[in-house]
Amino acid sequence: MEINFAHLMEHTAVRWADREALVNIERNRRYSYRELHALTNRIVNMMRSKLALHRGDTYLCILENDNLSLLHTWTALKGEAAAAFTNLRDPFDDHRWQVDFMRPKVVFLENDLLHRYYPMLRALGATVVCMDALPPGMAQAEGLHAFWDLLEDESEDDPGVESDIHASPLLYRFTGGTT
């Protein structure tokens, strides 16, 4: 069965346009259904155009819940690439094993982890996207991007992705036992 999740979310965004859909208390972010739908379309369009994430590719999220919520189900199901979520609090060696096992094309990473993880991620061939502004001295680092900078000028249009729910894995989950 082919499904375009953006179409499903669009119906929700039209029906409940101004109701709250997502609240990030830690960063004081609030999105209505209309805003969340537009933002997740922008994220998926950015993933496809600027990060070249397409069917068969995987991206890994090593993120706190507030940032992970931006890339969660509503974003993952709209795109082509498979999302992999991990437990942020897993040890570095577990994350290294997960990256080596998955070979993600892109890793979305908390800035606090950047200095320790960046060399390992680049050595394993991953592009790194930090969820906040890049730290001083790293703005020109190869294969490193700031999430919000990548979203600038990105289209809110429907990404137009249809997925076969039986043949297209869109989500992988690593868990250290804490859910």
Protein backbone atom coordinates (compact mmCIF):
# COMPACT_ATOMS: atom_id res chain seq x y z
CA MET A 1 0.00 0.00 0.00
CA GLU A 2 1.42 3.37 -1.05
CA ILE A 3 0.91 6.23 1.40
CA ASN A 4 1.86 9.91 1.42
CA PHE A 5 2.02 10.80 5.11
CA ALA A 6 2.21 14.53 4.30
CA HIS A 7 -1.31 14.28 2.86
CA LEU A 8 -2.58 12.70 6.08
CA MET A 9 -0.92 15.35 8.21
CA GLU A 10 -2.25 18.09 5.95
CA HIS A 11 -5.82 17.04 6.75
CA THR A 12 -5.04 17.28 10.46
CA ALA A 13 -3.37 20.67 9.95
CA VAL A 14 -6.44 21.98 8.14
CA ARG A 15 -8.93 20.61 10.67
CA TRP A 16 -7.02 21.59 13.83
CA ALA A 17 -4.90 24.42 12.37
CA ASP A 18 -4.44 26.60 15.44
CA ARG A 19 -4.50 23.94 18.16
CA GLU A 20 -1.22 23.05 19.83
CA ALA A 21 0.43 20.02 18.31
CA LEU A 22 3.88 20.15 19.90
CA VAL A 23 5.21 21.92 22.97
CA ASN A 24 8.92 21.86 23.80
CA ILE A 25 9.17 23.14 27.36
CA GLU A 26 12.98 22.98 27.50
CA ARG A 27 13.44 25.39 24.58
CA ASN A 28 10.11 27.19 24.81
CA ARG A 29 8.97 26.07 21.36
CA ARG A 30 5.26 25.81 20.61
CA TYR A 31 3.82 24.70 17.29
CA SER A 32 0.23 24.55 16.14
CA TYR A 33 -0.76 21.75 13.77
CA ARG A 34 -0.47 24.16 10.84
CA GLU A 35 3.02 25.31 11.95
CA LEU A 36 4.22 21.77 12.67
CA HIS A 37 3.01 20.54 9.29
CA ALA A 38 4.82 23.39 7.51
CA LEU A 39 7.99 22.89 9.58
CA THR A 40 8.13 19.14 9.01
CA ASN A 41 7.62 19.67 5.28
CA ARG A 42 10.57 22.09 5.35
CA ILE A 43 12.69 19.57 7.28
CA VAL A 44 11.96 16.75 4.82
CA ASN A 45 12.57 19.02 1.83
CA MET A 46 15.88 20.09 3.41
CA MET A 47 16.86 16.47 4.04
CA ARG A 48 16.26 15.65 0.40
CA SER A 49 17.73 18.78 -1.23
CA LYS A 50 20.62 19.76 1.05
CA LEU A 51 21.56 16.46 2.72
CA ALA A 52 20.69 14.20 -0.24
CA LEU A 53 18.77 11.78 2.00
CA HIS A 54 16.72 9.51 -0.25
CA ARG A 55 15.18 6.04 -0.23
CA GLY A 56 17.73 3.51 0.96
CA ASP A 57 19.63 6.06 3.08
CA THR A 58 19.53 6.21 6.87
CA TYR A 59 19.94 9.06 9.31
CA LEU A 60 20.59 8.66 13.03
CA CYS A 61 19.31 10.95 15.78
CA ILE A 62 21.42 11.29 18.93
CA LEU A 63 19.23 13.95 20.50
CA GLU A 64 17.50 15.17 23.62
CA ASN A 65 13.72 14.78 23.54
CA ASP A 66 13.08 18.44 22.71
CA ASN A 67 15.13 18.29 19.51
CA LEU A 68 14.14 14.71 18.73
CA SER A 69 10.50 15.79 18.67
CA LEU A 70 11.22 17.86 15.53
CA LEU A 71 12.47 14.76 13.70
CA HIS A 72 10.03 12.26 15.17
CA THR A 73 7.26 10.29 13.47
CA TRP A 74 5.63 13.21 11.63
CA THR A 75 8.95 14.02 9.96
CA ALA A 76 10.28 10.47 9.55
CA LEU A 77 7.14 9.22 7.82
CA LYS A 78 7.04 12.15 5.38
CA GLY A 79 10.53 11.44 4.04
CA GLU A 80 12.29 8.81 1.98
CA ALA A 81 15.27 7.98 4.19
CA ALA A 82 14.89 5.71 7.21
CA ALA A 83 15.25 7.36 10.61
CA ALA A 84 17.13 5.64 13.41
CA PHE A 85 16.60 6.79 16.98
CA THR A 86 19.00 5.95 19.77
CA ASN A 87 19.18 6.59 23.49
CA LEU A 88 21.11 9.83 24.00
CA ARG A 89 22.39 8.56 27.34
CA ASP A 90 23.96 5.41 25.92
CA PRO A 91 27.76 5.37 26.30
CA PHE A 92 29.97 6.68 23.49
CA ASP A 93 31.12 3.14 22.63
CA ASP A 94 27.49 2.04 22.16
CA HIS A 95 26.86 4.98 19.85
CA ARG A 96 30.04 4.20 17.92
CA TRP A 97 28.87 0.60 17.47
CA GLN A 98 25.42 1.80 16.34
CA VAL A 99 26.95 4.20 13.80
CA ASP A 100 29.32 1.52 12.55
CA PHE A 101 26.42 -0.96 12.28
CA MET A 102 23.93 1.43 10.60
CA ARG A 103 26.35 3.49 8.52
CA PRO A 104 23.98 6.48 8.54
CA LYS A 105 24.51 9.07 5.85
CA VAL A 106 23.64 11.84 8.32
CA VAL A 107 23.70 12.09 12.12
CA PHE A 108 21.62 14.73 13.90
CA LEU A 109 23.59 15.50 17.05
CA GLU A 110 23.30 17.62 20.18
CA ASN A 111 25.92 20.36 20.26
CA ASP A 112 27.16 19.18 23.67
CA LEU A 113 28.40 15.97 22.01
CA LEU A 114 30.02 17.60 19.00
CA HIS A 115 33.68 17.78 20.08
CA ARG A 116 33.75 14.13 21.19
CA TYR A 117 31.60 12.63 18.41
CA TYR A 118 32.54 14.64 15.32
CA PRO A 119 35.89 12.89 14.60
CA MET A 120 34.31 9.43 14.97
CA LEU A 121 31.27 10.30 12.84
CA ARG A 122 33.36 11.80 10.05
CA ALA A 123 35.76 8.83 10.12
CA LEU A 124 32.75 6.57 9.55
CA GLY A 125 31.56 8.74 6.66
CA ALA A 126 28.61 10.55 8.24
CA THR A 127 27.59 14.15 7.68
CA VAL A 128 26.86 15.82 11.03
CA VAL A 129 23.99 18.21 11.68
CA CYS A 130 24.01 20.09 15.00
CA MET A 131 20.67 21.24 16.30
CA ASP A 132 21.90 24.68 17.40
CA ALA A 133 24.41 27.23 16.13
CA LEU A 134 27.84 25.78 15.45
CA PRO A 135 30.43 26.39 18.16
CA PRO A 136 33.13 29.01 17.48
CA GLY A 137 35.95 27.62 15.39
CA MET A 138 33.86 24.85 13.83
CA ALA A 139 31.82 26.84 11.31
CA GLN A 140 34.09 25.74 8.45
CA ALA A 141 34.46 22.10 9.52
CA GLU A 142 33.91 19.67 6.67
CA GLY A 143 30.64 17.75 6.72
CA LEU A 144 29.22 19.81 9.60
CA HIS A 145 26.02 21.86 9.41
CA ALA A 146 23.69 23.79 11.71
CA PHE A 147 20.10 22.53 11.56
CA TRP A 148 18.33 25.90 11.50
CA ASP A 149 20.75 27.28 8.90
CA LEU A 150 19.91 24.36 6.61
CA LEU A 151 16.21 25.19 6.93
CA GLU A 152 16.61 28.76 5.68
CA ASP A 153 14.74 29.35 2.42
CA GLU A 154 13.44 25.77 2.36
CA SER A 155 10.02 25.14 0.85
CA GLU A 156 6.96 24.31 2.96
CA ASP A 157 5.48 22.45 -0.01
CA ASP A 158 4.42 18.82 0.27
CA PRO A 159 7.58 16.74 -0.26
CA GLY A 160 5.53 14.44 -2.49
CA VAL A 161 6.96 11.24 -1.04
CA GLU A 162 4.92 8.06 -1.29
CA SER A 163 6.09 5.02 0.62
CA ASP A 164 5.09 1.39 0.35
CA ILE A 165 4.29 0.56 3.95
CA HIS A 166 5.27 -3.08 3.38
CA ALA A 167 8.56 -2.50 1.55
CA SER A 168 10.03 0.81 2.77
CA PRO A 169 11.45 0.77 6.30
CA LEU A 170 11.18 4.31 7.62
CA LEU A 171 12.12 3.88 11.27
CA TYR A 172 14.72 1.96 13.27
CA ARG A 173 15.02 2.15 17.04
CA PHE A 174 17.95 1.44 19.33
CA THR A 175 17.11 1.33 23.01
CA GLY A 176 19.25 0.86 26.04
CA GLY A 177 16.21 -0.37 27.92
CA THR A 178 14.99 3.06 28.99
CA THR A 179 11.94 4.16 27.07
